[in-house]
Each structure stands twice: as structure tokens, then as C-alpha cells.
Amino acid sequence: MSMYNSLDFESISRTTVIACTATFGLAIAGLIRSYSKTKNAQGLPLPPGPRPLPFIGNALDIKPDEPWTSYTQWGAKYGDLVYSRVLSLDIIVINSEDVAKELLDKRSHNYSDRPLWPVNQLFGLSLISALLPYGDVWRLHRRILHQAFRPAIAASYVPIQVRKSRELLLNLYDSPEHYEEHVKSFPASIIMSIVYGYEAAQCNDPLVAIVDKAAEAVTQIVSPGRAAVLASFPVLMRLPTWVPNMLYKNAVTTSRQRMTEMQDIPFNYTREQMAAGTAVNGAVYDALSKLGGENRSEVGTADDSEAMTEAIKGAAATAFLAGAETTTSTLFNFILAMILYPDVQRRAQREIDSVCGTNRLPVLEDKDSLPFIEAIVRETLRWHPVLPLEEAKVTDIQYADYWMRLGLAHATTNDDVYQGYFIPKGTTIIANTWAMSRDETKYPNASDFVPERWLTADGGLIDDIPDFVFGFGRRFCVGKPLAEASLWLGVASLLAVFSFCKPDSGEEYEPKWTFGAASRPFPFPCRVTPRSADLSREKLVQLVHADA
């Protein structure tokens, strides 16, 4: 029987159901909170933080659209480690990269878990590696991802990345007005080729479209507000669809369908190609070959084989979703920065011309000779982090658009003590990447896009990179080498051929960013033009194939 029909709510007053459930839940949350505070046998204080209200804690102190700015303001007042409470959740915000490294890196054995997330299975997210609790299943996913994306293997993917970056240039030349679609297709097609051995169409590919639908499901359909209330009051999962803002049945159906499509369709494509003997080498192909080949001894039973297959499917889907979304958002930030800072764009193009001339396109072997391009990549990652938090599991019960967009928090496995402060077991730990990117002591005028901050006085690169944007500890992004190569090739190739500027109409634009699984700029006016007025398509094709 469906959970939605297991109780006869139609004969009960809607107001009574909601009021009684919420009141009871809040009361229990308050009791749990009061009890948990007495469990600190050492008598140590919690980290400082804003004073919580009864029951709801600090929910009303957090901006639902930009929670990282609230946490950053707390950091300025209370320090690098800030304690807060929302409903029944202990939340500690880390506003400093140094503290994050001390806790999340050096004590990763205690800070690698995820907070309890009761809606993962409900919304079809149970196979996503990034959301798994720390344990054997997560370690299996991690091993699969490491085998696919470790640096030695990532280097073999460069020809694919180069080819896709060249396709991006041709697509932009043919239809610059559709630059957003072309930019989105670039990283998605790379991941499809590397993970599934699938060659995506240059435009409007049906499998690439699955990524967009799945991302939409995560950031919109799986409403943060719904997940927030469900986590604190699981009994609400039994409420019928007529309850305001609780239309779970439709959301659940749509989310499960889209997540299942993202996990199954490309995975089944690879298996079908393998069965037909026409499969192209890729991460899923390699993993499935080992499952049925020389590493068969690692799988002892049919149940083990099924678990391994599910792990391969989940790890591949995670790479598909996360890799495409984060790189796309970073490239949009780059293009916006070029529009807002035209002097930076012109300097970068002069550097490319001085190294590559006009008869070839940049390749990764040019990276050491193009330090300003690398500085732009680093500054793009820092300027507006795609994941402003790494990440929170918190909520404001008044808002319907908050929780899930902050779903990748760390959680403590055991009690801990840091600098005299008590950190309870099960605490949600937020690494405030936004605050780290806005550290004025390290990045003066941090709100400005200044690639020069990554250069020495003589124009070389400083020995520092914004690694904090890739996460911390055992949850650090395993696909970092692949992402860095894709970003560098995308940035260098685009700047070599095109210029990005405001439309001739001079339309004003105040940058604003979305707030979802990844943050990217809202659509902005952009004119994409070839740098050379006499660049024909035939000439561009020659450039594209010159280094093939």
C-alpha cells in the first residue's frame, strides 16, 4: 500500500493535521536538543554562535537564497568556527580554509560521513555517490571513481577533451546566439564519452538532455523545503497531496523517473554495445569488463555481483551529473567575467597570440607558457565558487526553496574537541567555501575578478591554487584532474577564437546567480564574435584539425 494512502486523512481537518504534527514535531525536537546538550561529559563549551530561538533555533537568522552570506557574517562576528541550531540539527560552520584542513583533512576519519538524509531513496537519489554515508558502499563507489579518474588515467582522456573543445568552437561559430546550449553540451559530451563511451551529437543530444532533466530534478523538483521538513518530521511523508506545499506524490514520481533515466539509459547503452561487440572503451566498459573478467574473484556471490553492478551504475551517474554541472557553471562564470572585465580578456588574448600565433589553437602542452590563462582559470574558480558551501544540511521552516540545494554536508562520526570547543557526534559540518573565497587577508578586493593575484611580480604563477573549491578530506573531488583540463582547454580555446562582450544595444546587466546543486549566473546578455573579422568557417576548420 502506498504511504500516501495508508492513513485516511480525508476525514481529518487539514488544519488540525498540520498544526498537531508540526507542534508535536517541534516539541520533540526541542526535547532532543535539550537532552543532547547534557551529553558533554567534559563540560566544554560549544563553539560560539548566534543565540537560538526555542524549537526553531537559528532558522530565521539564515538567508534562504544566500545562506553562505549569513554564515560569512557570523564568521566576522563569532570566528572561524560557528555553532548554530536549526530544529533538531547541530550545525557547525567552518569559515576558514585553515580550520577546514585541520578538521576535514587531518581528521577525515571523523569528518567524512554525511548527515542522515531520509529522502534520498524516496526521490531516487540513493545511488548518487556524493550522498552516500561513509561506509563500505561509499568506499566501493569511491574505488570505481578513482580507477576512472586518477591522474594517470585522466591524462589519457586529453584527446577527447581537445576534440570536444574544438567542436565547441565550431558550434559557437555556426550559432553564437545559442552559446548557452553549446557551453552546456561541451562538458556533458566529454563525460558521456569518457564514462559511457558514447559519442554525443554536437547539438540537442538526447542523452545529454538527460543530465539537464536530472539536474533540474535535484535542484527544483526535489524541493529543499520539502526535504527540510521531512528530515525533521518524517511523519509528514504520510500527508496527502492536498496539504499546502506538500505535493510529494507528483514530485516523487517525477524525480524518481528522471534520476532513473539518468542512471539507467546511458548505462544500458554501454551494456548493449558490449553485448553487440561494438562498445567503445570507457569507465563503465572497463568496470563491467573487470566484473566479468579477470577480477571476477572479487565478486563472491550473485548478490555481490548485483551490488557491484549497482555501484558502477551509481558511480557513473554521479560522474555524469556532477562533472557536467560544475564545469558548465564555471564556464558561464568565466564568460561573464570576460564581459565585465574586458581588459582581462584582451591581455589573455595577447598572451595566446604571443605563444600560439594565429595558425594554431592552444593545447595543454602550452600551459606552462600561458600563465595568465591559468591565472584566469584559478580566479574563475575562486571568484564565484560553483559550490558556495561544501555543504549544509540546514533549513528555514518558512521557506520552500532551501534544503536540498545545500545537501552535501560533512557529519561527525564521533565526539571531537577543537581548540577547547566541543563538537558533538552527528553534527552537521558546513565548509563555507564562499567565506574562504572572500578572505580579504588572502584575496584583497575579493569581490573583484583579478587574475593577477595568482601571478608573481615577474609574471609567473604563484605556488597556490584554490583547492578548497574541490572539497576536503576523503570527500575531495576525485575528478579534479579531469575538470581542470576541461576548464583550461575550454577557456584557452574560447579566448583564442572569440571575444565576449555586451550586446551593441548596451543593455545593462547586474550579475545574479542561481542557487541550486551548483550556482551559475542567471542568463545574461552576451555577444559572441570571432576575434578576426576575416575568419571563415573553412579557416576555423583548418585550425581545428591542425593539431589533430
Protein backbone atom coordinates (compact mmCIF):
# COMPACT_ATOMS: atom_id res chain seq x y z
CA MET A 1 0.00 0.00 0.00
CA SER A 2 1.30 3.47 -0.86
CA MET A 3 2.45 5.63 2.01
CA TYR A 4 0.09 8.27 0.73
CA ASN A 5 -2.96 6.05 1.19
CA SER A 6 -2.02 4.21 4.37
CA LEU A 7 -3.93 6.68 6.56
CA ASP A 8 -7.39 8.12 5.95
CA PHE A 9 -6.58 11.82 6.16
CA GLU A 10 -9.63 12.93 4.22
CA SER A 11 -11.82 12.68 7.33
CA ILE A 12 -9.48 14.83 9.42
CA SER A 13 -9.28 18.59 9.44
CA ARG A 14 -6.35 19.77 7.34
CA THR A 15 -5.52 22.49 9.79
CA THR A 16 -5.60 20.06 12.69
CA VAL A 17 -3.28 17.60 10.95
CA ILE A 18 -0.72 20.23 10.08
CA ALA A 19 -0.88 22.07 13.40
CA CYS A 20 -0.74 18.95 15.55
CA THR A 21 2.05 17.35 13.53
CA ALA A 22 4.19 20.48 13.47
CA THR A 23 3.65 21.24 17.15
CA PHE A 24 4.41 17.67 18.20
CA GLY A 25 7.49 17.53 15.98
CA LEU A 26 8.85 20.81 17.24
CA ALA A 27 8.29 19.80 20.85
CA ILE A 28 10.16 16.53 20.31
CA ALA A 29 12.95 18.39 18.53
CA GLY A 30 13.26 20.72 21.49
CA LEU A 31 13.45 17.82 23.93
CA ILE A 32 16.09 16.08 21.84
CA ARG A 33 18.09 19.29 21.66
CA SER A 34 17.90 19.82 25.44
CA TYR A 35 18.95 16.24 26.09
CA SER A 36 21.86 16.23 23.64
CA LYS A 37 23.39 19.32 25.23
CA THR A 38 23.77 17.44 28.51
CA LYS A 39 25.92 14.73 26.91
CA ASN A 40 29.16 16.73 27.02
CA ALA A 41 30.83 14.98 29.94
CA GLN A 42 33.94 17.16 29.65
CA GLY A 43 31.99 20.31 30.36
CA LEU A 44 33.47 22.04 27.32
CA PRO A 45 31.57 24.80 25.51
CA LEU A 46 30.20 24.53 22.03
CA PRO A 47 31.74 26.95 19.52
CA PRO A 48 30.29 30.49 19.74
CA GLY A 49 27.35 31.44 17.57
CA PRO A 50 24.05 33.31 17.30
CA ARG A 51 21.54 32.81 20.08
CA PRO A 52 18.90 30.25 19.01
CA LEU A 53 15.16 30.69 19.46
CA PRO A 54 13.15 27.96 21.21
CA PHE A 55 12.37 24.97 18.99
CA ILE A 56 13.30 26.52 15.61
CA GLY A 57 16.81 27.53 16.67
CA ASN A 58 18.56 29.88 14.22
CA ALA A 59 16.34 29.13 11.23
CA LEU A 60 15.18 32.74 10.93
CA ASP A 61 18.77 34.06 11.03
CA ILE A 62 19.72 32.42 7.72
CA LYS A 63 19.05 33.97 4.31
CA PRO A 64 17.33 31.19 2.36
CA ASP A 65 18.57 32.44 -1.01
CA GLU A 66 22.20 33.07 0.04
CA PRO A 67 22.88 31.17 3.26
CA TRP A 68 26.65 31.43 2.74
CA THR A 69 26.47 35.20 3.21
CA SER A 70 24.74 34.70 6.57
CA TYR A 71 27.43 32.25 7.62
CA THR A 72 30.14 34.65 6.46
CA GLN A 73 28.62 37.42 8.59
CA TRP A 74 28.55 35.03 11.54
CA GLY A 75 32.21 34.32 10.93
CA ALA A 76 33.06 38.02 11.13
CA LYS A 77 31.30 38.20 14.49
CA TYR A 78 31.98 34.84 16.14
CA GLY A 79 35.10 33.49 14.43
CA ASP A 80 36.19 30.73 12.09
CA LEU A 81 34.10 28.06 13.86
CA VAL A 82 30.44 28.93 14.47
CA TYR A 83 27.78 26.82 16.16
CA SER A 84 24.09 27.12 15.32
CA ARG A 85 21.00 25.01 15.60
CA VAL A 86 18.08 24.57 13.22
CA LEU A 87 15.19 22.50 14.56
CA SER A 88 16.87 19.33 15.90
CA LEU A 89 20.12 19.76 13.99
CA ASP A 90 23.51 20.72 15.41
CA ILE A 91 25.30 22.76 12.75
CA ILE A 92 28.89 23.98 12.85
CA VAL A 93 30.08 26.32 10.11
CA ILE A 94 33.76 26.44 9.15
CA ASN A 95 34.63 29.83 7.66
CA SER A 96 38.38 29.33 7.34
CA GLU A 97 40.34 27.21 4.88
CA ASP A 98 42.98 26.52 7.55
CA VAL A 99 40.39 25.23 10.03
CA ALA A 100 38.71 23.16 7.30
CA LYS A 101 42.03 21.49 6.55
CA GLU A 102 42.67 20.84 10.24
CA LEU A 103 39.30 19.14 10.73
CA LEU A 104 38.12 17.81 7.38
CA ASP A 105 41.55 16.82 6.03
CA LYS A 106 43.68 15.89 9.04
CA ARG A 107 40.78 14.33 10.98
CA SER A 108 39.00 12.95 7.94
CA HIS A 109 38.32 9.64 9.71
CA ASN A 110 35.81 11.52 11.87
CA TYR A 111 34.50 14.05 9.34
CA SER A 112 33.74 12.00 6.23
CA ASP A 113 30.17 10.97 6.94
CA ARG A 114 27.02 12.57 5.56
CA PRO A 115 24.12 13.70 7.72
CA LEU A 116 21.07 11.45 7.80
CA TRP A 117 19.11 12.16 4.63
CA PRO A 118 15.74 10.36 4.84
CA VAL A 119 14.51 11.39 1.39
CA ASN A 120 17.35 10.01 -0.75
CA GLN A 121 15.58 6.77 -1.59
CA LEU A 122 12.19 8.47 -1.77
CA PHE A 123 13.38 10.82 -4.53
CA GLY A 124 15.59 8.31 -6.35
CA LEU A 125 18.94 9.63 -5.08
CA SER A 126 20.13 6.56 -3.19
CA LEU A 127 22.73 5.59 -5.83
CA ILE A 128 24.41 9.01 -6.01
CA SER A 129 27.91 8.54 -4.60
CA ALA A 130 28.20 12.02 -3.14
CA LEU A 131 25.16 11.45 -0.91
CA LEU A 132 26.16 8.05 0.46
CA PRO A 133 27.04 7.73 4.14
CA TYR A 134 30.64 6.92 4.95
CA GLY A 135 31.00 3.15 4.83
CA ASP A 136 31.65 0.12 2.64
CA VAL A 137 29.24 1.09 -0.15
CA TRP A 138 30.71 4.59 -0.37
CA ARG A 139 34.23 3.13 -0.43
CA LEU A 140 33.24 0.86 -3.31
CA HIS A 141 31.87 3.82 -5.28
CA ARG A 142 34.99 5.80 -4.48
CA ARG A 143 37.25 3.00 -5.70
CA ILE A 144 35.35 2.83 -9.00
CA LEU A 145 35.60 6.61 -9.47
CA HIS A 146 39.27 6.64 -8.53
CA GLN A 147 40.04 3.94 -11.09
CA ALA A 148 38.29 6.02 -13.75
CA PHE A 149 39.65 9.49 -12.92
CA ARG A 150 43.01 9.13 -11.18
CA PRO A 151 45.67 11.44 -12.72
CA ALA A 152 47.43 8.72 -14.72
CA ILE A 153 44.15 7.73 -16.37
CA ALA A 154 42.88 11.31 -16.73
CA ALA A 155 45.87 12.09 -18.97
CA SER A 156 44.61 9.53 -21.49
CA TYR A 157 41.36 11.48 -21.85
CA VAL A 158 43.05 14.61 -23.19
CA PRO A 159 42.43 13.78 -26.89
CA ILE A 160 38.71 13.55 -26.15
CA GLN A 161 38.76 16.87 -24.30
CA VAL A 162 40.67 18.56 -27.13
CA ARG A 163 38.24 17.24 -29.72
CA LYS A 164 35.21 18.38 -27.75
CA SER A 165 36.72 21.83 -27.19
CA ARG A 166 37.17 22.14 -30.97
CA GLU A 167 33.55 21.09 -31.53
CA LEU A 168 32.54 23.84 -29.14
CA LEU A 169 34.33 26.41 -31.31
CA LEU A 170 32.59 25.24 -34.47
CA ASN A 171 29.20 25.23 -32.77
CA LEU A 172 29.74 28.76 -31.48
CA TYR A 173 30.81 29.96 -34.92
CA ASP A 174 27.69 28.47 -36.53
CA SER A 175 25.17 29.76 -33.99
CA PRO A 176 26.69 32.17 -31.44
CA GLU A 177 23.23 33.18 -30.27
CA HIS A 178 22.89 29.71 -28.73
CA TYR A 179 26.12 29.94 -26.77
CA GLU A 180 24.46 28.73 -23.56
CA GLU A 181 23.44 25.41 -25.13
CA HIS A 182 26.88 24.94 -26.68
CA VAL A 183 28.65 25.61 -23.39
CA LYS A 184 26.39 23.13 -21.57
CA SER A 185 26.99 20.45 -24.19
CA PHE A 186 30.79 20.76 -24.00
CA PRO A 187 31.46 19.16 -20.56
CA ALA A 188 28.45 16.85 -20.80
CA SER A 189 29.70 15.35 -24.06
CA ILE A 190 33.17 14.87 -22.55
CA ILE A 191 31.75 12.96 -19.59
CA MET A 192 29.47 10.89 -21.83
CA SER A 193 32.44 9.82 -23.95
CA ILE A 194 34.77 9.12 -21.03
CA VAL A 195 32.27 7.36 -18.78
CA TYR A 196 29.96 5.58 -21.23
CA GLY A 197 31.92 5.52 -24.49
CA TYR A 198 29.03 7.42 -26.05
CA GLU A 199 29.63 9.97 -28.80
CA ALA A 200 27.15 12.75 -28.24
CA ALA A 201 25.69 14.76 -31.09
CA GLN A 202 27.10 18.28 -31.34
CA CYS A 203 23.66 19.79 -30.66
CA ASN A 204 20.47 18.61 -28.93
CA ASP A 205 21.74 15.18 -27.98
CA PRO A 206 19.00 13.15 -26.23
CA LEU A 207 21.32 11.56 -23.65
CA VAL A 208 22.97 14.86 -22.81
CA ALA A 209 19.49 16.28 -22.27
CA ILE A 210 19.02 13.67 -19.55
CA VAL A 211 21.66 15.46 -17.46
CA ASP A 212 19.72 18.70 -17.60
CA LYS A 213 16.50 16.97 -16.58
CA ALA A 214 18.20 15.15 -13.71
CA ALA A 215 19.88 18.36 -12.52
CA GLU A 216 16.52 20.09 -12.64
CA ALA A 217 15.05 17.29 -10.56
CA VAL A 218 17.75 17.69 -7.92
CA THR A 219 17.59 21.48 -7.73
CA GLN A 220 13.91 22.16 -8.32
CA ILE A 221 11.64 19.13 -8.14
CA VAL A 222 13.28 17.77 -5.00
CA SER A 223 12.27 20.94 -3.24
CA PRO A 224 14.67 21.95 -0.45
CA GLY A 225 11.74 22.95 1.72
CA ARG A 226 10.11 19.57 1.34
CA ALA A 227 13.29 17.76 2.24
CA ALA A 228 13.88 20.05 5.21
CA VAL A 229 10.55 19.33 6.83
CA LEU A 230 10.76 15.63 6.01
CA ALA A 231 14.14 15.29 7.69
CA SER A 232 12.94 16.79 10.96
CA PHE A 233 9.40 15.37 10.83
CA PRO A 234 9.43 12.06 8.90
CA VAL A 235 5.75 11.52 9.77
CA LEU A 236 4.92 14.23 7.22
CA MET A 237 5.80 11.76 4.47
CA ARG A 238 2.36 10.29 5.14
CA LEU A 239 0.50 13.51 4.43
CA PRO A 240 -1.84 13.54 1.40
CA THR A 241 -1.32 15.74 -1.64
CA TRP A 242 -3.95 18.32 -0.63
CA VAL A 243 -1.72 19.68 2.15
CA PRO A 244 -0.26 23.05 1.03
CA ASN A 245 3.33 22.81 -0.25
CA MET A 246 3.31 19.06 0.35
CA LEU A 247 2.60 17.73 -3.14
CA TYR A 248 5.09 14.92 -2.63
CA LYS A 249 3.41 12.36 -4.80
CA ASN A 250 3.96 14.24 -8.07
CA ALA A 251 7.43 15.41 -7.04
CA VAL A 252 8.46 11.91 -6.03
CA THR A 253 7.22 10.39 -9.28
CA THR A 254 8.94 12.97 -11.48
CA SER A 255 12.20 12.92 -9.54
CA ARG A 256 12.43 9.14 -9.48
CA GLN A 257 11.71 8.96 -13.20
CA ARG A 258 14.39 11.49 -14.11
CA MET A 259 17.02 10.05 -11.80
CA THR A 260 16.27 6.54 -13.05
CA GLU A 261 16.65 7.70 -16.65
CA MET A 262 19.98 9.35 -15.87
CA GLN A 263 21.28 6.22 -14.13
CA ASP A 264 19.85 3.54 -16.42
CA ILE A 265 19.70 4.81 -20.01
CA PRO A 266 23.39 5.59 -20.65
CA PHE A 267 24.45 2.61 -18.51
CA ASN A 268 22.25 0.26 -20.51
CA TYR A 269 23.60 1.80 -23.72
CA THR A 270 27.11 0.69 -22.75
CA ARG A 271 25.95 -2.80 -21.79
CA GLU A 272 24.08 -3.20 -25.06
CA GLN A 273 27.13 -2.09 -27.03
CA MET A 274 29.28 -4.56 -25.09
CA ALA A 275 26.86 -7.38 -25.85
CA ALA A 276 26.95 -6.47 -29.54
CA GLY A 277 30.74 -6.25 -29.55
CA THR A 278 30.70 -2.60 -30.65
CA ALA A 279 31.40 -0.87 -27.33
CA VAL A 280 33.93 1.94 -27.18
CA ASN A 281 36.31 1.93 -24.24
CA GLY A 282 35.10 3.97 -21.28
CA ALA A 283 34.88 3.88 -17.48
CA VAL A 284 31.71 1.77 -17.39
CA TYR A 285 33.06 -0.58 -20.06
CA ASP A 286 36.27 -1.09 -18.06
CA ALA A 287 34.44 -1.65 -14.78
CA LEU A 288 31.94 -4.11 -16.26
CA SER A 289 34.72 -5.96 -18.10
CA LYS A 290 36.59 -6.45 -14.83
CA LEU A 291 33.39 -7.57 -13.16
CA GLY A 292 33.01 -10.36 -15.67
CA GLY A 293 36.67 -10.96 -16.39
CA GLU A 294 39.95 -11.35 -14.58
CA ASN A 295 38.73 -9.65 -11.39
CA ARG A 296 35.73 -11.94 -11.09
CA SER A 297 37.25 -13.34 -7.90
CA GLU A 298 36.49 -10.04 -6.17
CA VAL A 299 32.80 -10.87 -6.52
CA GLY A 300 31.95 -13.91 -4.48
CA THR A 301 28.20 -14.35 -4.98
CA ALA A 302 25.37 -13.28 -7.24
CA ASP A 303 24.38 -10.75 -4.60
CA ASP A 304 27.92 -9.35 -4.66
CA SER A 305 27.78 -9.12 -8.45
CA GLU A 306 24.49 -7.24 -8.30
CA ALA A 307 25.85 -4.88 -5.66
CA MET A 308 28.94 -4.23 -7.78
CA THR A 309 26.79 -3.52 -10.84
CA GLU A 310 24.65 -1.08 -8.87
CA ALA A 311 27.80 0.61 -7.57
CA ILE A 312 29.17 1.01 -11.10
CA LYS A 313 25.86 2.45 -12.23
CA GLY A 314 25.71 4.89 -9.30
CA ALA A 315 29.32 6.00 -9.61
CA ALA A 316 28.91 6.59 -13.35
CA ALA A 317 25.73 8.60 -12.83
CA THR A 318 27.46 10.68 -10.18
CA ALA A 319 30.33 11.49 -12.55
CA PHE A 320 27.82 12.27 -15.29
CA LEU A 321 25.75 14.66 -13.18
CA ALA A 322 28.44 16.32 -11.08
CA GLY A 323 31.08 16.65 -13.78
CA ALA A 324 28.79 18.20 -16.35
CA GLU A 325 27.01 20.59 -13.98
CA THR A 326 30.02 22.03 -12.16
CA THR A 327 32.17 22.57 -15.27
CA THR A 328 29.26 24.16 -17.12
CA SER A 329 28.61 26.59 -14.28
CA THR A 330 32.31 27.51 -14.04
CA LEU A 331 32.48 28.24 -17.78
CA PHE A 332 29.46 30.53 -17.52
CA ASN A 333 31.22 32.38 -14.70
CA PHE A 334 34.29 32.71 -16.94
CA ILE A 335 32.30 34.17 -19.85
CA LEU A 336 30.55 36.62 -17.54
CA ALA A 337 33.91 37.71 -16.12
CA MET A 338 35.24 38.37 -19.63
CA ILE A 339 32.26 40.64 -20.33
CA LEU A 340 32.63 42.52 -17.05
CA TYR A 341 36.44 42.77 -17.24
CA PRO A 342 37.32 43.35 -20.92
CA ASP A 343 40.92 44.36 -20.10
CA VAL A 344 41.49 40.88 -18.67
CA GLN A 345 40.14 39.34 -21.86
CA ARG A 346 42.40 41.44 -24.08
CA ARG A 347 45.51 40.63 -22.02
CA ALA A 348 44.73 36.92 -22.20
CA GLN A 349 44.29 37.06 -25.96
CA ARG A 350 47.58 38.88 -26.38
CA GLU A 351 49.32 36.14 -24.39
CA ILE A 352 47.76 33.42 -26.57
CA ASP A 353 48.80 35.21 -29.74
CA SER A 354 52.37 35.58 -28.48
CA VAL A 355 52.66 31.82 -27.89
CA CYS A 356 50.39 30.24 -30.49
CA GLY A 357 50.27 32.84 -33.22
CA THR A 358 47.23 32.79 -35.49
CA ASN A 359 47.76 29.46 -37.22
CA ARG A 360 47.09 27.04 -34.38
CA LEU A 361 44.95 26.69 -31.27
CA PRO A 362 46.23 26.30 -27.68
CA VAL A 363 46.89 22.79 -26.39
CA LEU A 364 47.64 21.57 -22.89
CA GLU A 365 51.35 21.45 -23.71
CA ASP A 366 51.19 25.27 -23.88
CA LYS A 367 50.01 25.56 -20.28
CA ASP A 368 53.40 26.49 -18.80
CA SER A 369 53.84 29.14 -21.50
CA LEU A 370 50.41 30.68 -20.81
CA PRO A 371 50.47 31.58 -17.10
CA PHE A 372 47.82 34.29 -17.44
CA ILE A 373 45.35 31.77 -18.87
CA GLU A 374 45.97 29.51 -15.88
CA ALA A 375 45.55 32.54 -13.60
CA ILE A 376 42.14 33.20 -15.20
CA VAL A 377 41.09 29.59 -14.58
CA ARG A 378 42.11 29.81 -10.91
CA GLU A 379 40.42 33.18 -10.46
CA THR A 380 37.22 31.90 -12.08
CA LEU A 381 37.13 29.03 -9.58
CA ARG A 382 37.71 31.45 -6.68
CA TRP A 383 35.67 34.48 -7.83
CA HIS A 384 32.29 32.80 -7.56
CA PRO A 385 32.55 29.22 -6.27
CA VAL A 386 30.16 26.89 -8.05
CA LEU A 387 29.51 25.20 -4.70
CA PRO A 388 29.46 28.12 -2.23
CA LEU A 389 29.07 25.64 0.62
CA GLU A 390 30.56 22.17 0.96
CA GLU A 391 27.66 21.90 2.03
CA ALA A 392 24.93 22.44 4.56
CA LYS A 393 22.06 20.34 5.74
CA VAL A 394 20.05 23.11 7.31
CA THR A 395 16.66 24.69 6.83
CA ASP A 396 14.36 27.59 7.47
CA ILE A 397 10.92 26.12 8.02
CA GLN A 398 9.32 29.23 6.48
CA TYR A 399 10.88 28.74 3.05
CA ALA A 400 10.13 26.19 0.36
CA ASP A 401 13.36 26.56 -1.63
CA TYR A 402 16.23 25.86 0.71
CA TRP A 403 17.31 22.44 1.91
CA MET A 404 18.35 20.28 -1.00
CA ARG A 405 20.46 22.95 -2.66
CA LEU A 406 22.71 22.54 0.39
CA GLY A 407 22.82 18.80 0.57
CA LEU A 408 26.46 17.65 0.73
CA ALA A 409 27.40 18.43 4.30
CA HIS A 410 30.00 16.55 6.28
CA ALA A 411 28.97 14.92 9.56
CA THR A 412 30.98 13.82 12.59
CA THR A 413 31.16 10.11 13.35
CA ASN A 414 32.22 10.68 16.99
CA ASP A 415 32.52 13.50 19.51
CA ASP A 416 35.50 15.75 18.95
CA VAL A 417 37.28 18.70 20.58
CA TYR A 418 38.95 21.52 18.66
CA GLN A 419 40.70 24.48 20.32
CA GLY A 420 38.74 23.89 23.51
CA TYR A 421 35.35 23.65 21.80
CA PHE A 422 33.13 20.56 21.91
CA ILE A 423 31.88 19.17 18.58
CA PRO A 424 29.15 16.57 19.22
CA LYS A 425 28.79 13.29 17.37
CA GLY A 426 26.39 13.60 14.45
CA THR A 427 26.97 17.33 14.00
CA THR A 428 26.40 18.73 10.52
CA ILE A 429 29.61 20.39 9.36
CA ILE A 430 29.46 23.14 6.73
CA ALA A 431 32.64 24.20 4.96
CA ASN A 432 31.77 27.75 3.90
CA THR A 433 33.65 27.90 0.61
CA TRP A 434 32.20 31.35 -0.05
CA ALA A 435 33.83 32.78 3.08
CA MET A 436 37.14 31.18 2.10
CA SER A 437 36.94 32.76 -1.34
CA ARG A 438 36.24 36.16 0.27
CA ASP A 439 39.14 36.08 2.75
CA GLU A 440 40.50 39.64 2.37
CA THR A 441 43.74 38.75 4.10
CA LYS A 442 44.49 36.28 1.32
CA TYR A 443 42.50 37.82 -1.54
CA PRO A 444 42.40 41.64 -1.30
CA ASN A 445 39.40 43.15 -3.10
CA ALA A 446 37.99 39.64 -3.13
CA SER A 447 34.77 40.59 -4.93
CA ASP A 448 36.75 41.73 -7.98
CA PHE A 449 37.96 39.43 -10.73
CA VAL A 450 41.75 39.82 -10.53
CA PRO A 451 43.75 37.02 -12.22
CA GLU A 452 46.96 38.88 -11.35
CA ARG A 453 46.60 37.74 -7.74
CA TRP A 454 47.81 34.31 -8.91
CA LEU A 455 50.97 35.71 -10.56
CA THR A 456 54.38 36.65 -9.22
CA ALA A 457 55.96 40.03 -9.90
CA ASP A 458 57.74 38.64 -12.97
CA GLY A 459 54.56 37.11 -14.42
CA GLY A 460 54.98 33.51 -13.27
CA LEU A 461 52.41 31.54 -11.30
CA ILE A 462 52.48 31.59 -7.52
CA ASP A 463 52.63 28.29 -5.68
CA ASP A 464 48.98 28.29 -4.67
CA ILE A 465 45.69 27.09 -6.13
CA PRO A 466 42.10 27.42 -4.84
CA ASP A 467 41.82 23.74 -3.92
CA PHE A 468 39.08 24.48 -1.40
CA VAL A 469 36.54 24.64 -4.25
CA PHE A 470 37.05 20.89 -4.81
CA GLY A 471 36.16 19.93 -1.25
CA PHE A 472 38.07 18.47 1.67
CA GLY A 473 39.25 15.22 3.17
CA ARG A 474 38.04 11.89 1.88
CA ARG A 475 35.17 13.66 0.12
CA PHE A 476 37.58 15.65 -2.05
CA CYS A 477 36.56 15.68 -5.73
CA VAL A 478 38.19 12.68 -7.37
CA GLY A 479 37.57 14.20 -10.82
CA LYS A 480 39.71 17.29 -10.18
CA PRO A 481 42.41 16.48 -12.82
CA LEU A 482 39.75 15.93 -15.47
CA ALA A 483 37.85 19.10 -14.52
CA GLU A 484 40.99 21.24 -14.54
CA ALA A 485 41.99 20.03 -18.01
CA SER A 486 38.49 20.61 -19.42
CA LEU A 487 38.33 24.09 -17.92
CA TRP A 488 41.76 25.09 -19.19
CA LEU A 489 41.08 23.84 -22.71
CA GLY A 490 37.67 25.49 -22.76
CA VAL A 491 38.99 28.85 -21.56
CA ALA A 492 42.08 28.90 -23.78
CA SER A 493 40.21 27.74 -26.89
CA LEU A 494 37.37 30.23 -26.48
CA LEU A 495 39.72 33.16 -25.93
CA ALA A 496 41.86 32.16 -28.90
CA VAL A 497 38.96 32.40 -31.36
CA PHE A 498 36.20 34.55 -29.88
CA SER A 499 35.58 37.75 -27.96
CA PHE A 500 32.76 38.11 -25.45
CA CYS A 501 31.15 41.48 -24.85
CA LYS A 502 27.90 43.24 -24.09
CA PRO A 503 25.41 43.48 -26.96
CA ASP A 504 25.59 46.60 -29.15
CA SER A 505 22.39 47.81 -27.53
CA GLY A 506 24.43 48.43 -24.39
CA GLU A 507 21.87 46.58 -22.30
CA GLU A 508 22.75 46.92 -18.64
CA TYR A 509 23.12 43.78 -16.61
CA GLU A 510 23.55 43.34 -12.89
CA PRO A 511 25.03 39.88 -12.29
CA LYS A 512 22.90 37.49 -10.29
CA TRP A 513 23.47 33.82 -9.61
CA THR A 514 21.17 30.84 -9.32
CA PHE A 515 21.11 28.74 -6.17
CA GLY A 516 20.87 25.04 -6.77
CA ALA A 517 23.08 21.97 -6.73
CA ALA A 518 25.57 24.30 -8.42
CA SER A 519 25.46 28.07 -8.61
CA ARG A 520 25.73 29.69 -12.03
CA PRO A 521 24.90 33.15 -13.39
CA PHE A 522 21.34 33.81 -14.45
CA PRO A 523 21.13 34.17 -18.26
CA PHE A 524 22.98 37.32 -19.25
CA PRO A 525 23.19 39.33 -22.49
CA CYS A 526 26.29 38.34 -24.43
CA ARG A 527 27.58 38.95 -27.93
CA VAL A 528 29.99 36.28 -29.18
CA THR A 529 32.08 37.35 -32.19
CA PRO A 530 35.17 35.91 -33.92
CA ARG A 531 38.26 37.90 -32.96
CA SER A 532 39.30 38.08 -36.60
CA ALA A 533 36.79 39.70 -38.94
CA ASP A 534 38.03 37.57 -41.84
CA LEU A 535 37.79 34.25 -40.01
CA SER A 536 35.79 31.99 -42.31
CA ARG A 537 34.37 28.66 -41.28
CA GLU A 538 36.83 26.96 -43.62
CA LYS A 539 39.71 28.67 -41.84
CA LEU A 540 38.33 27.65 -38.45
CA VAL A 541 38.00 24.05 -39.63
CA GLN A 542 41.66 24.16 -40.65
CA LEU A 543 42.61 25.44 -37.19
CA VAL A 544 40.52 22.78 -35.51
CA HIS A 545 42.23 19.99 -37.43
CA ALA A 546 45.73 21.48 -37.46
CA ASP A 547 46.81 19.62 -34.31
CA ALA A 548 44.71 16.50 -34.89
